[in-house]
Amino acid sequence: MERHLAVSQFPDGYPVRPGNFVMRNRVMALISDATVIVESGERGGSLHQGWEAIRLGRPLFLRHAVLADPNLRWPKEMQRYGAVGFQEAAEILDFVPSVRSELRVDGMG
C-alpha cells in the first residue's frame, strides 16, 4: 500500500469477516471495466463479483473450461445474462473500454 493504490471501503485494521469479501467483490466490480472468472466452484467468492458486474452492465468473461464443466450450474446461468466465454486472454481486450481507448491513443487501434 505504500507504493501502490489500495482501494477499500474498510478502514486500515478493520477485522476480516466472511461478509467483508462479498462487499469487497462488489466494489471490485464497480471500479473495474470488466470482470474475468477463470475458476470457481458453486459457492466461490468471485461469483459475487460476476453477478455484480452483470447487474452493473459491465462485461463479464468466463473461461471456456469453466463453461464446459458439467458439474457447474452458475456459468451457464451467467451466460444467459450476458457473460461471454473466452479461450485466450487476447479475446477479451476488444471489450474493455480503457484498453480500446489506450490503443487508439497510441495509434495502434
PDB file of N, CA and C in Angstrom:
ATOM      1  N   MET A   1       0.815  -1.190   0.000  1.00  0.00           N
ATOM      2  CA  MET A   1       0.000   0.000   0.000  1.00  0.00           C
ATOM      3  C   MET A   1       0.864   1.262   0.000  1.00  0.00           C
ATOM      4  N   GLU A   2       2.110   1.141   0.402  1.00  0.00           N
ATOM      5  CA  GLU A   2       2.961   2.322   0.434  1.00  0.00           C
ATOM      6  C   GLU A   2       3.330   2.807  -0.963  1.00  0.00           C
ATOM      7  N   ARG A   3       3.449   1.889  -1.932  1.00  0.00           N
ATOM      8  CA  ARG A   3       3.876   2.279  -3.271  1.00  0.00           C
ATOM      9  C   ARG A   3       2.817   2.044  -4.340  1.00  0.00           C
ATOM     10  N   HIS A   4       1.647   1.563  -3.961  1.00  0.00           N
ATOM     11  CA  HIS A   4       0.603   1.256  -4.938  1.00  0.00           C
ATOM     12  C   HIS A   4      -0.737   1.751  -4.432  1.00  0.00           C
ATOM     13  N   LEU A   5      -1.687   1.828  -5.328  1.00  0.00           N
ATOM     14  CA  LEU A   5      -3.035   2.234  -4.970  1.00  0.00           C
ATOM     15  C   LEU A   5      -3.758   1.084  -4.263  1.00  0.00           C
ATOM     16  N   ALA A   6      -4.385   1.386  -3.167  1.00  0.00           N
ATOM     17  CA  ALA A   6      -5.219   0.416  -2.457  1.00  0.00           C
ATOM     18  C   ALA A   6      -6.613   1.018  -2.336  1.00  0.00           C
ATOM     19  N   VAL A   7      -7.617   0.263  -2.745  1.00  0.00           N
ATOM     20  CA  VAL A   7      -8.997   0.726  -2.682  1.00  0.00           C
ATOM     21  C   VAL A   7      -9.750  -0.207  -1.756  1.00  0.00           C
ATOM     22  N   SER A   8     -10.388   0.361  -0.760  1.00  0.00           N
ATOM     23  CA  SER A   8     -11.174  -0.446   0.169  1.00  0.00           C
ATOM     24  C   SER A   8     -12.236   0.416   0.819  1.00  0.00           C
ATOM     25  N   GLN A   9     -13.350  -0.176   1.095  1.00  0.00           N
ATOM     26  CA  GLN A   9     -14.386   0.514   1.854  1.00  0.00           C
ATOM     27  C   GLN A   9     -14.199   0.324   3.353  1.00  0.00           C
ATOM     28  N   PHE A  10     -13.164  -0.427   3.718  1.00  0.00           N
ATOM     29  CA  PHE A  10     -12.882  -0.704   5.120  1.00  0.00           C
ATOM     30  C   PHE A  10     -11.660   0.090   5.572  1.00  0.00           C
ATOM     31  N   PRO A  11     -11.689   0.627   6.780  1.00  0.00           N
ATOM     32  CA  PRO A  11     -10.508   1.331   7.286  1.00  0.00           C
ATOM     33  C   PRO A  11      -9.370   0.355   7.580  1.00  0.00           C
ATOM     34  N   ASP A  12      -8.157   0.845   7.571  1.00  0.00           N
ATOM     35  CA  ASP A  12      -6.985   0.029   7.877  1.00  0.00           C
ATOM     36  C   ASP A  12      -7.168  -0.624   9.247  1.00  0.00           C
ATOM     37  N   GLY A  13      -6.918  -1.903   9.323  1.00  0.00           N
ATOM     38  CA  GLY A  13      -7.045  -2.625  10.581  1.00  0.00           C
ATOM     39  C   GLY A  13      -8.431  -3.189  10.856  1.00  0.00           C
ATOM     40  N   TYR A  14      -9.395  -2.954   9.961  1.00  0.00           N
ATOM     41  CA  TYR A  14     -10.751  -3.466  10.149  1.00  0.00           C
ATOM     42  C   TYR A  14     -10.705  -4.995  10.189  1.00  0.00           C
ATOM     43  N   PRO A  15     -11.444  -5.635  11.101  1.00  0.00           N
ATOM     44  CA  PRO A  15     -11.381  -7.097  11.216  1.00  0.00           C
ATOM     45  C   PRO A  15     -11.852  -7.803   9.941  1.00  0.00           C
ATOM     46  N   VAL A  16     -11.198  -8.893   9.613  1.00  0.00           N
ATOM     47  CA  VAL A  16     -11.570  -9.700   8.456  1.00  0.00           C
ATOM     48  C   VAL A  16     -12.744 -10.591   8.861  1.00  0.00           C
ATOM     49  N   ARG A  17     -13.819 -10.499   8.088  1.00  0.00           N
ATOM     50  CA  ARG A  17     -15.024 -11.294   8.332  1.00  0.00           C
ATOM     51  C   ARG A  17     -15.523 -11.833   6.997  1.00  0.00           C
ATOM     52  N   PRO A  18     -16.196 -12.973   6.985  1.00  0.00           N
ATOM     53  CA  PRO A  18     -16.680 -13.533   5.711  1.00  0.00           C
ATOM     54  C   PRO A  18     -17.535 -12.562   4.897  1.00  0.00           C
ATOM     55  N   GLY A  19     -18.388 -11.805   5.534  1.00  0.00           N
ATOM     56  CA  GLY A  19     -19.240 -10.851   4.820  1.00  0.00           C
ATOM     57  C   GLY A  19     -18.467  -9.738   4.142  1.00  0.00           C
ATOM     58  N   ASN A  20     -17.273  -9.466   4.619  1.00  0.00           N
ATOM     59  CA  ASN A  20     -16.452  -8.414   4.010  1.00  0.00           C
ATOM     60  C   ASN A  20     -16.074  -8.758   2.573  1.00  0.00           C
ATOM     61  N   PHE A  21     -15.875 -10.038   2.301  1.00  0.00           N
ATOM     62  CA  PHE A  21     -15.445 -10.439   0.969  1.00  0.00           C
ATOM     63  C   PHE A  21     -16.528 -10.174  -0.069  1.00  0.00           C
ATOM     64  N   VAL A  22     -17.781 -10.371   0.297  1.00  0.00           N
ATOM     65  CA  VAL A  22     -18.896 -10.086  -0.614  1.00  0.00           C
ATOM     66  C   VAL A  22     -18.901  -8.596  -0.946  1.00  0.00           C
ATOM     67  N   MET A  23     -18.774  -7.765   0.069  1.00  0.00           N
ATOM     68  CA  MET A  23     -18.751  -6.314  -0.166  1.00  0.00           C
ATOM     69  C   MET A  23     -17.541  -5.911  -1.000  1.00  0.00           C
ATOM     70  N   ARG A  24     -16.389  -6.514  -0.725  1.00  0.00           N
ATOM     71  CA  ARG A  24     -15.182  -6.201  -1.495  1.00  0.00           C
ATOM     72  C   ARG A  24     -15.366  -6.582  -2.951  1.00  0.00           C
ATOM     73  N   ASN A  25     -15.951  -7.742  -3.216  1.00  0.00           N
ATOM     74  CA  ASN A  25     -16.156  -8.169  -4.597  1.00  0.00           C
ATOM     75  C   ASN A  25     -17.103  -7.240  -5.334  1.00  0.00           C
ATOM     76  N   ARG A  26     -18.083  -6.704  -4.656  1.00  0.00           N
ATOM     77  CA  ARG A  26     -18.987  -5.739  -5.280  1.00  0.00           C
ATOM     78  C   ARG A  26     -18.248  -4.460  -5.642  1.00  0.00           C
ATOM     79  N   VAL A  27     -17.395  -3.991  -4.763  1.00  0.00           N
ATOM     80  CA  VAL A  27     -16.596  -2.800  -5.051  1.00  0.00           C
ATOM     81  C   VAL A  27     -15.676  -3.064  -6.240  1.00  0.00           C
ATOM     82  N   MET A  28     -15.089  -4.242  -6.292  1.00  0.00           N
ATOM     83  CA  MET A  28     -14.199  -4.580  -7.408  1.00  0.00           C
ATOM     84  C   MET A  28     -14.960  -4.544  -8.738  1.00  0.00           C
ATOM     85  N   ALA A  29     -16.184  -5.041  -8.763  1.00  0.00           N
ATOM     86  CA  ALA A  29     -16.983  -4.984  -9.986  1.00  0.00           C
ATOM     87  C   ALA A  29     -17.307  -3.541 -10.345  1.00  0.00           C
ATOM     88  N   LEU A  30     -17.545  -2.728  -9.343  1.00  0.00           N
ATOM     89  CA  LEU A  30     -17.901  -1.326  -9.575  1.00  0.00           C
ATOM     90  C   LEU A  30     -16.750  -0.528 -10.172  1.00  0.00           C
ATOM     91  N   ILE A  31     -15.535  -0.774  -9.722  1.00  0.00           N
ATOM     92  CA  ILE A  31     -14.399   0.030 -10.193  1.00  0.00           C
ATOM     93  C   ILE A  31     -13.682  -0.600 -11.391  1.00  0.00           C
ATOM     94  N   SER A  32     -14.120  -1.770 -11.824  1.00  0.00           N
ATOM     95  CA  SER A  32     -13.451  -2.469 -12.923  1.00  0.00           C
ATOM     96  C   SER A  32     -14.180  -2.238 -14.243  1.00  0.00           C
ATOM     97  N   ASP A  33     -13.417  -2.192 -15.327  1.00  0.00           N
ATOM     98  CA  ASP A  33     -14.018  -2.110 -16.657  1.00  0.00           C
ATOM     99  C   ASP A  33     -14.641  -3.437 -17.048  1.00  0.00           C
ATOM    100  N   ALA A  34     -14.111  -4.532 -16.529  1.00  0.00           N
ATOM    101  CA  ALA A  34     -14.615  -5.870 -16.844  1.00  0.00           C
ATOM    102  C   ALA A  34     -14.194  -6.814 -15.726  1.00  0.00           C
ATOM    103  N   THR A  35     -14.911  -7.925 -15.620  1.00  0.00           N
ATOM    104  CA  THR A  35     -14.576  -8.979 -14.663  1.00  0.00           C
ATOM    105  C   THR A  35     -14.303 -10.254 -15.447  1.00  0.00           C
ATOM    106  N   VAL A  36     -13.278 -10.983 -15.031  1.00  0.00           N
ATOM    107  CA  VAL A  36     -12.900 -12.240 -15.671  1.00  0.00           C
ATOM    108  C   VAL A  36     -12.874 -13.324 -14.600  1.00  0.00           C
ATOM    109  N   ILE A  37     -13.628 -14.388 -14.812  1.00  0.00           N
ATOM    110  CA  ILE A  37     -13.613 -15.531 -13.900  1.00  0.00           C
ATOM    111  C   ILE A  37     -12.968 -16.696 -14.637  1.00  0.00           C
ATOM    112  N   VAL A  38     -11.866 -17.174 -14.110  1.00  0.00           N
ATOM    113  CA  VAL A  38     -11.170 -18.292 -14.747  1.00  0.00           C
ATOM    114  C   VAL A  38     -11.414 -19.609 -14.020  1.00  0.00           C
ATOM    115  N   GLU A  39     -11.872 -19.524 -12.763  1.00  0.00           N
ATOM    116  CA  GLU A  39     -12.112 -20.739 -11.983  1.00  0.00           C
ATOM    117  C   GLU A  39     -12.954 -20.390 -10.771  1.00  0.00           C
ATOM    118  N   SER A  40     -13.925 -21.227 -10.460  1.00  0.00           N
ATOM    119  CA  SER A  40     -14.721 -21.054  -9.253  1.00  0.00           C
ATOM    120  C   SER A  40     -15.626 -22.254  -9.076  1.00  0.00           C
ATOM    121  N   GLY A  41     -15.842 -22.625  -7.833  1.00  0.00           N
ATOM    122  CA  GLY A  41     -16.816 -23.663  -7.533  1.00  0.00           C
ATOM    123  C   GLY A  41     -18.203 -23.054  -7.499  1.00  0.00           C
ATOM    124  N   GLU A  42     -19.165 -23.836  -7.057  1.00  0.00           N
ATOM    125  CA  GLU A  42     -20.550 -23.357  -6.991  1.00  0.00           C
ATOM    126  C   GLU A  42     -20.757 -22.243  -5.966  1.00  0.00           C
ATOM    127  N   ARG A  43     -19.860 -22.129  -5.015  1.00  0.00           N
ATOM    128  CA  ARG A  43     -20.019 -21.118  -3.977  1.00  0.00           C
ATOM    129  C   ARG A  43     -18.807 -20.191  -3.883  1.00  0.00           C
ATOM    130  N   GLY A  44     -18.038 -20.081  -4.950  1.00  0.00           N
ATOM    131  CA  GLY A  44     -16.834 -19.265  -4.930  1.00  0.00           C
ATOM    132  C   GLY A  44     -17.138 -17.783  -4.770  1.00  0.00           C
ATOM    133  N   GLY A  45     -16.250 -17.087  -4.103  1.00  0.00           N
ATOM    134  CA  GLY A  45     -16.425 -15.662  -3.863  1.00  0.00           C
ATOM    135  C   GLY A  45     -16.460 -14.819  -5.118  1.00  0.00           C
ATOM    136  N   SER A  46     -15.779 -15.270  -6.156  1.00  0.00           N
ATOM    137  CA  SER A  46     -15.759 -14.481  -7.387  1.00  0.00           C
ATOM    138  C   SER A  46     -17.135 -14.420  -8.042  1.00  0.00           C
ATOM    139  N   LEU A  47     -18.027 -15.323  -7.677  1.00  0.00           N
ATOM    140  CA  LEU A  47     -19.377 -15.290  -8.242  1.00  0.00           C
ATOM    141  C   LEU A  47     -20.117 -14.025  -7.832  1.00  0.00           C
ATOM    142  N   HIS A  48     -19.863 -13.542  -6.623  1.00  0.00           N
ATOM    143  CA  HIS A  48     -20.486 -12.284  -6.192  1.00  0.00           C
ATOM    144  C   HIS A  48     -20.070 -11.155  -7.116  1.00  0.00           C
ATOM    145  N   GLN A  49     -18.785 -11.108  -7.440  1.00  0.00           N
ATOM    146  CA  GLN A  49     -18.304 -10.066  -8.335  1.00  0.00           C
ATOM    147  C   GLN A  49     -18.888 -10.248  -9.735  1.00  0.00           C
ATOM    148  N   GLY A  50     -18.988 -11.483 -10.192  1.00  0.00           N
ATOM    149  CA  GLY A  50     -19.561 -11.744 -11.506  1.00  0.00           C
ATOM    150  C   GLY A  50     -21.005 -11.273 -11.607  1.00  0.00           C
ATOM    151  N   TRP A  51     -21.820 -11.613 -10.617  1.00  0.00           N
ATOM    152  CA  TRP A  51     -23.223 -11.175 -10.645  1.00  0.00           C
ATOM    153  C   TRP A  51     -23.332  -9.660 -10.532  1.00  0.00           C
ATOM    154  N   GLU A  52     -22.465  -9.061  -9.747  1.00  0.00           N
ATOM    155  CA  GLU A  52     -22.496  -7.605  -9.617  1.00  0.00           C
ATOM    156  C   GLU A  52     -22.086  -6.954 -10.945  1.00  0.00           C
ATOM    157  N   ALA A  53     -21.114  -7.507 -11.644  1.00  0.00           N
ATOM    158  CA  ALA A  53     -20.716  -6.976 -12.956  1.00  0.00           C
ATOM    159  C   ALA A  53     -21.902  -7.025 -13.917  1.00  0.00           C
ATOM    160  N   ILE A  54     -22.617  -8.137 -13.919  1.00  0.00           N
ATOM    161  CA  ILE A  54     -23.802  -8.257 -14.768  1.00  0.00           C
ATOM    162  C   ILE A  54     -24.836  -7.209 -14.380  1.00  0.00           C
ATOM    163  N   ARG A  55     -25.086  -7.059 -13.097  1.00  0.00           N
ATOM    164  CA  ARG A  55     -26.069  -6.080 -12.616  1.00  0.00           C
ATOM    165  C   ARG A  55     -25.705  -4.664 -13.042  1.00  0.00           C
ATOM    166  N   LEU A  56     -24.406  -4.363 -13.036  1.00  0.00           N
ATOM    167  CA  LEU A  56     -23.927  -3.026 -13.402  1.00  0.00           C
ATOM    168  C   LEU A  56     -23.812  -2.827 -14.910  1.00  0.00           C
ATOM    169  N   GLY A  57     -24.020  -3.901 -15.675  1.00  0.00           N
ATOM    170  CA  GLY A  57     -23.885  -3.792 -17.123  1.00  0.00           C
ATOM    171  C   GLY A  57     -22.439  -3.800 -17.592  1.00  0.00           C
ATOM    172  N   ARG A  58     -21.531  -4.296 -16.743  1.00  0.00           N
ATOM    173  CA  ARG A  58     -20.122  -4.381 -17.106  1.00  0.00           C
ATOM    174  C   ARG A  58     -19.850  -5.738 -17.751  1.00  0.00           C
ATOM    175  N   PRO A  59     -18.882  -5.800 -18.658  1.00  0.00           N
ATOM    176  CA  PRO A  59     -18.568  -7.095 -19.283  1.00  0.00           C
ATOM    177  C   PRO A  59     -18.110  -8.127 -18.253  1.00  0.00           C
ATOM    178  N   LEU A  60     -18.582  -9.352 -18.426  1.00  0.00           N
ATOM    179  CA  LEU A  60     -18.167 -10.479 -17.598  1.00  0.00           C
ATOM    180  C   LEU A  60     -17.698 -11.580 -18.532  1.00  0.00           C
ATOM    181  N   PHE A  61     -16.474 -12.059 -18.320  1.00  0.00           N
ATOM    182  CA  PHE A  61     -15.879 -13.089 -19.151  1.00  0.00           C
ATOM    183  C   PHE A  61     -15.641 -14.345 -18.333  1.00  0.00           C
ATOM    184  N   LEU A  62     -15.999 -15.485 -18.913  1.00  0.00           N
ATOM    185  CA  LEU A  62     -15.820 -16.778 -18.271  1.00  0.00           C
ATOM    186  C   LEU A  62     -14.951 -17.654 -19.158  1.00  0.00           C
ATOM    187  N   ARG A  63     -13.938 -18.259 -18.574  1.00  0.00           N
ATOM    188  CA  ARG A  63     -13.066 -19.164 -19.327  1.00  0.00           C
ATOM    189  C   ARG A  63     -13.891 -20.321 -19.882  1.00  0.00           C
ATOM    190  N   HIS A  64     -13.610 -20.706 -21.122  1.00  0.00           N
ATOM    191  CA  HIS A  64     -14.378 -21.790 -21.770  1.00  0.00           C
ATOM    192  C   HIS A  64     -14.364 -23.075 -20.955  1.00  0.00           C
ATOM    193  N   ALA A  65     -13.249 -23.370 -20.288  1.00  0.00           N
ATOM    194  CA  ALA A  65     -13.177 -24.593 -19.481  1.00  0.00           C
ATOM    195  C   ALA A  65     -14.207 -24.564 -18.354  1.00  0.00           C
ATOM    196  N   VAL A  66     -14.474 -23.402 -17.805  1.00  0.00           N
ATOM    197  CA  VAL A  66     -15.488 -23.265 -16.752  1.00  0.00           C
ATOM    198  C   VAL A  66     -16.873 -23.462 -17.353  1.00  0.00           C
ATOM    199  N   LEU A  67     -17.099 -22.861 -18.516  1.00  0.00           N
ATOM    200  CA  LEU A  67     -18.398 -23.019 -19.179  1.00  0.00           C
ATOM    201  C   LEU A  67     -18.682 -24.473 -19.540  1.00  0.00           C
ATOM    202  N   ALA A  68     -17.645 -25.218 -19.849  1.00  0.00           N
ATOM    203  CA  ALA A  68     -17.812 -26.608 -20.282  1.00  0.00           C
ATOM    204  C   ALA A  68     -17.898 -27.599 -19.125  1.00  0.00           C
ATOM    205  N   ASP A  69     -17.667 -27.140 -17.898  1.00  0.00           N
ATOM    206  CA  ASP A  69     -17.681 -28.041 -16.746  1.00  0.00           C
ATOM    207  C   ASP A  69     -19.116 -28.474 -16.431  1.00  0.00           C
ATOM    208  N   PRO A  70     -19.441 -29.760 -16.613  1.00  0.00           N
ATOM    209  CA  PRO A  70     -20.812 -30.219 -16.390  1.00  0.00           C
ATOM    210  C   PRO A  70     -21.225 -30.208 -14.911  1.00  0.00           C
ATOM    211  N   ASN A  71     -20.268 -30.053 -14.019  1.00  0.00           N
ATOM    212  CA  ASN A  71     -20.579 -30.038 -12.589  1.00  0.00           C
ATOM    213  C   ASN A  71     -20.955 -28.656 -12.074  1.00  0.00           C
ATOM    214  N   LEU A  72     -20.869 -27.646 -12.928  1.00  0.00           N
ATOM    215  CA  LEU A  72     -21.169 -26.275 -12.502  1.00  0.00           C
ATOM    216  C   LEU A  72     -22.419 -25.760 -13.192  1.00  0.00           C
ATOM    217  N   ARG A  73     -23.318 -25.172 -12.409  1.00  0.00           N
ATOM    218  CA  ARG A  73     -24.544 -24.586 -12.966  1.00  0.00           C
ATOM    219  C   ARG A  73     -24.395 -23.097 -13.234  1.00  0.00           C
ATOM    220  N   TRP A  74     -23.625 -22.396 -12.387  1.00  0.00           N
ATOM    221  CA  TRP A  74     -23.565 -20.945 -12.476  1.00  0.00           C
ATOM    222  C   TRP A  74     -23.020 -20.399 -13.789  1.00  0.00           C
ATOM    223  N   PRO A  75     -22.056 -21.050 -14.461  1.00  0.00           N
ATOM    224  CA  PRO A  75     -21.548 -20.440 -15.696  1.00  0.00           C
ATOM    225  C   PRO A  75     -22.623 -20.282 -16.771  1.00  0.00           C
ATOM    226  N   LYS A  76     -23.432 -21.307 -16.943  1.00  0.00           N
ATOM    227  CA  LYS A  76     -24.477 -21.224 -17.971  1.00  0.00           C
ATOM    228  C   LYS A  76     -25.537 -20.197 -17.586  1.00  0.00           C
ATOM    229  N   GLU A  77     -25.824 -20.094 -16.303  1.00  0.00           N
ATOM    230  CA  GLU A  77     -26.790 -19.093 -15.859  1.00  0.00           C
ATOM    231  C   GLU A  77     -26.253 -17.687 -16.110  1.00  0.00           C
ATOM    232  N   MET A  78     -24.974 -17.451 -15.784  1.00  0.00           N
ATOM    233  CA  MET A  78     -24.375 -16.139 -16.046  1.00  0.00           C
ATOM    234  C   MET A  78     -24.322 -15.858 -17.541  1.00  0.00           C
ATOM    235  N   GLN A  79     -24.072 -16.885 -18.328  1.00  0.00           N
ATOM    236  CA  GLN A  79     -24.031 -16.711 -19.778  1.00  0.00           C
ATOM    237  C   GLN A  79     -25.398 -16.279 -20.304  1.00  0.00           C
ATOM    238  N   ARG A  80     -26.470 -16.806 -19.730  1.00  0.00           N
ATOM    239  CA  ARG A  80     -27.824 -16.391 -20.129  1.00  0.00           C
ATOM    240  C   ARG A  80     -28.053 -14.910 -19.860  1.00  0.00           C
ATOM    241  N   TYR A  81     -27.350 -14.368 -18.886  1.00  0.00           N
ATOM    242  CA  TYR A  81     -27.490 -12.949 -18.545  1.00  0.00           C
ATOM    243  C   TYR A  81     -26.421 -12.078 -19.218  1.00  0.00           C
ATOM    244  N   GLY A  82     -25.627 -12.661 -20.108  1.00  0.00           N
ATOM    245  CA  GLY A  82     -24.709 -11.844 -20.886  1.00  0.00           C
ATOM    246  C   GLY A  82     -23.233 -12.119 -20.732  1.00  0.00           C
ATOM    247  N   ALA A  83     -22.835 -13.023 -19.853  1.00  0.00           N
ATOM    248  CA  ALA A  83     -21.418 -13.349 -19.732  1.00  0.00           C
ATOM    249  C   ALA A  83     -20.918 -13.947 -21.042  1.00  0.00           C
ATOM    250  N   VAL A  84     -19.666 -13.678 -21.363  1.00  0.00           N
ATOM    251  CA  VAL A  84     -19.067 -14.109 -22.621  1.00  0.00           C
ATOM    252  C   VAL A  84     -17.944 -15.099 -22.328  1.00  0.00           C
ATOM    253  N   GLY A  85     -17.912 -16.195 -23.075  1.00  0.00           N
ATOM    254  CA  GLY A  85     -16.848 -17.169 -22.916  1.00  0.00           C
ATOM    255  C   GLY A  85     -15.597 -16.731 -23.653  1.00  0.00           C
ATOM    256  N   PHE A  86     -14.435 -17.154 -23.148  1.00  0.00           N
ATOM    257  CA  PHE A  86     -13.172 -16.854 -23.826  1.00  0.00           C
ATOM    258  C   PHE A  86     -12.202 -18.012 -23.643  1.00  0.00           C
ATOM    259  N   GLN A  87     -11.327 -18.168 -24.607  1.00  0.00           N
ATOM    260  CA  GLN A  87     -10.284 -19.190 -24.552  1.00  0.00           C
ATOM    261  C   GLN A  87      -8.941 -18.551 -24.215  1.00  0.00           C
ATOM    262  N   GLU A  88      -8.596 -17.478 -24.923  1.00  0.00           N
ATOM    263  CA  GLU A  88      -7.325 -16.776 -24.750  1.00  0.00           C
ATOM    264  C   GLU A  88      -7.590 -15.369 -24.233  1.00  0.00           C
ATOM    265  N   ALA A  89      -6.710 -14.865 -23.408  1.00  0.00           N
ATOM    266  CA  ALA A  89      -6.884 -13.530 -22.828  1.00  0.00           C
ATOM    267  C   ALA A  89      -7.040 -12.449 -23.893  1.00  0.00           C
ATOM    268  N   ALA A  90      -6.361 -12.574 -25.008  1.00  0.00           N
ATOM    269  CA  ALA A  90      -6.436 -11.564 -26.067  1.00  0.00           C
ATOM    270  C   ALA A  90      -7.860 -11.383 -26.587  1.00  0.00           C
ATOM    271  N   GLU A  91      -8.695 -12.401 -26.439  1.00  0.00           N
ATOM    272  CA  GLU A  91     -10.073 -12.327 -26.923  1.00  0.00           C
ATOM    273  C   GLU A  91     -10.902 -11.282 -26.190  1.00  0.00           C
ATOM    274  N   ILE A  92     -10.519 -10.921 -24.988  1.00  0.00           N
ATOM    275  CA  ILE A  92     -11.349 -10.005 -24.212  1.00  0.00           C
ATOM    276  C   ILE A  92     -10.910  -8.550 -24.355  1.00  0.00           C
ATOM    277  N   LEU A  93      -9.762  -8.293 -24.911  1.00  0.00           N
ATOM    278  CA  LEU A  93      -9.240  -6.928 -24.959  1.00  0.00           C
ATOM    279  C   LEU A  93     -10.138  -5.971 -25.729  1.00  0.00           C
ATOM    280  N   ASP A  94     -10.794  -6.406 -26.775  1.00  0.00           N
ATOM    281  CA  ASP A  94     -11.667  -5.526 -27.549  1.00  0.00           C
ATOM    282  C   ASP A  94     -12.893  -5.075 -26.765  1.00  0.00           C
ATOM    283  N   PHE A  95     -13.230  -5.778 -25.699  1.00  0.00           N
ATOM    284  CA  PHE A  95     -14.416  -5.458 -24.921  1.00  0.00           C
ATOM    285  C   PHE A  95     -14.138  -4.486 -23.772  1.00  0.00           C
ATOM    286  N   VAL A  96     -12.873  -4.277 -23.459  1.00  0.00           N
ATOM    287  CA  VAL A  96     -12.510  -3.478 -22.284  1.00  0.00           C
ATOM    288  C   VAL A  96     -12.300  -2.025 -22.713  1.00  0.00           C
ATOM    289  N   PRO A  97     -13.169  -1.105 -22.260  1.00  0.00           N
ATOM    290  CA  PRO A  97     -13.105   0.282 -22.729  1.00  0.00           C
ATOM    291  C   PRO A  97     -11.746   0.955 -22.560  1.00  0.00           C
ATOM    292  N   SER A  98     -11.106   0.798 -21.430  1.00  0.00           N
ATOM    293  CA  SER A  98      -9.843   1.506 -21.214  1.00  0.00           C
ATOM    294  C   SER A  98      -8.755   0.990 -22.146  1.00  0.00           C
ATOM    295  N   VAL A  99      -8.784  -0.280 -22.501  1.00  0.00           N
ATOM    296  CA  VAL A  99      -7.791  -0.836 -23.414  1.00  0.00           C
ATOM    297  C   VAL A  99      -8.037  -0.294 -24.820  1.00  0.00           C
ATOM    298  N   ARG A 100      -9.297  -0.247 -25.243  1.00  0.00           N
ATOM    299  CA  ARG A 100      -9.610   0.275 -26.579  1.00  0.00           C
ATOM    300  C   ARG A 100      -9.155   1.712 -26.714  1.00  0.00           C
ATOM    301  N   SER A 101      -9.434   2.556 -25.727  1.00  0.00           N
ATOM    302  CA  SER A 101      -9.055   3.963 -25.829  1.00  0.00           C
ATOM    303  C   SER A 101      -7.546   4.126 -25.793  1.00  0.00           C
ATOM    304  N   GLU A 102      -6.835   3.334 -24.986  1.00  0.00           N
ATOM    305  CA  GLU A 102      -5.386   3.420 -24.946  1.00  0.00           C
ATOM    306  C   GLU A 102      -4.786   2.999 -26.279  1.00  0.00           C
ATOM    307  N   LEU A 103      -5.365   1.978 -26.909  1.00  0.00           N
ATOM    308  CA  LEU A 103      -4.858   1.540 -28.195  1.00  0.00           C
ATOM    309  C   LEU A 103      -5.048   2.622 -29.251  1.00  0.00           C
ATOM    310  N   ARG A 104      -6.184   3.328 -29.209  1.00  0.00           N
ATOM    311  CA  ARG A 104      -6.407   4.405 -30.166  1.00  0.00           C
ATOM    312  C   ARG A 104      -5.446   5.561 -29.921  1.00  0.00           C
ATOM    313  N   VAL A 105      -5.218   5.908 -28.672  1.00  0.00           N
ATOM    314  CA  VAL A 105      -4.306   6.995 -28.348  1.00  0.00           C
ATOM    315  C   VAL A 105      -2.900   6.684 -28.832  1.00  0.00           C
ATOM    316  N   ASP A 106      -2.482   5.438 -28.696  1.00  0.00           N
ATOM    317  CA  ASP A 106      -1.151   5.046 -29.120  1.00  0.00           C
ATOM    318  C   ASP A 106      -1.067   4.832 -30.635  1.00  0.00           C
ATOM    319  N   GLY A 107      -2.183   4.979 -31.327  1.00  0.00           N
ATOM    320  CA  GLY A 107      -2.172   4.791 -32.772  1.00  0.00           C
ATOM    321  C   GLY A 107      -2.187   3.340 -33.200  1.00  0.00           C
ATOM    322  N   MET A 108      -2.488   2.446 -32.294  1.00  0.00           N
ATOM    323  CA  MET A 108      -2.459   1.021 -32.623  1.00  0.00           C
ATOM    324  C   MET A 108      -3.855   0.484 -32.920  1.00  0.00           C
ATOM    325  N   GLY A 109      -4.897   1.225 -32.600  1.00  0.00           N
ATOM    326  CA  GLY A 109      -6.247   0.699 -32.768  1.00  0.00           C
ATOM    327  C   GLY A 109      -7.033   1.411 -33.801  1.00  0.00           C
TER     328      GLY A 109
END
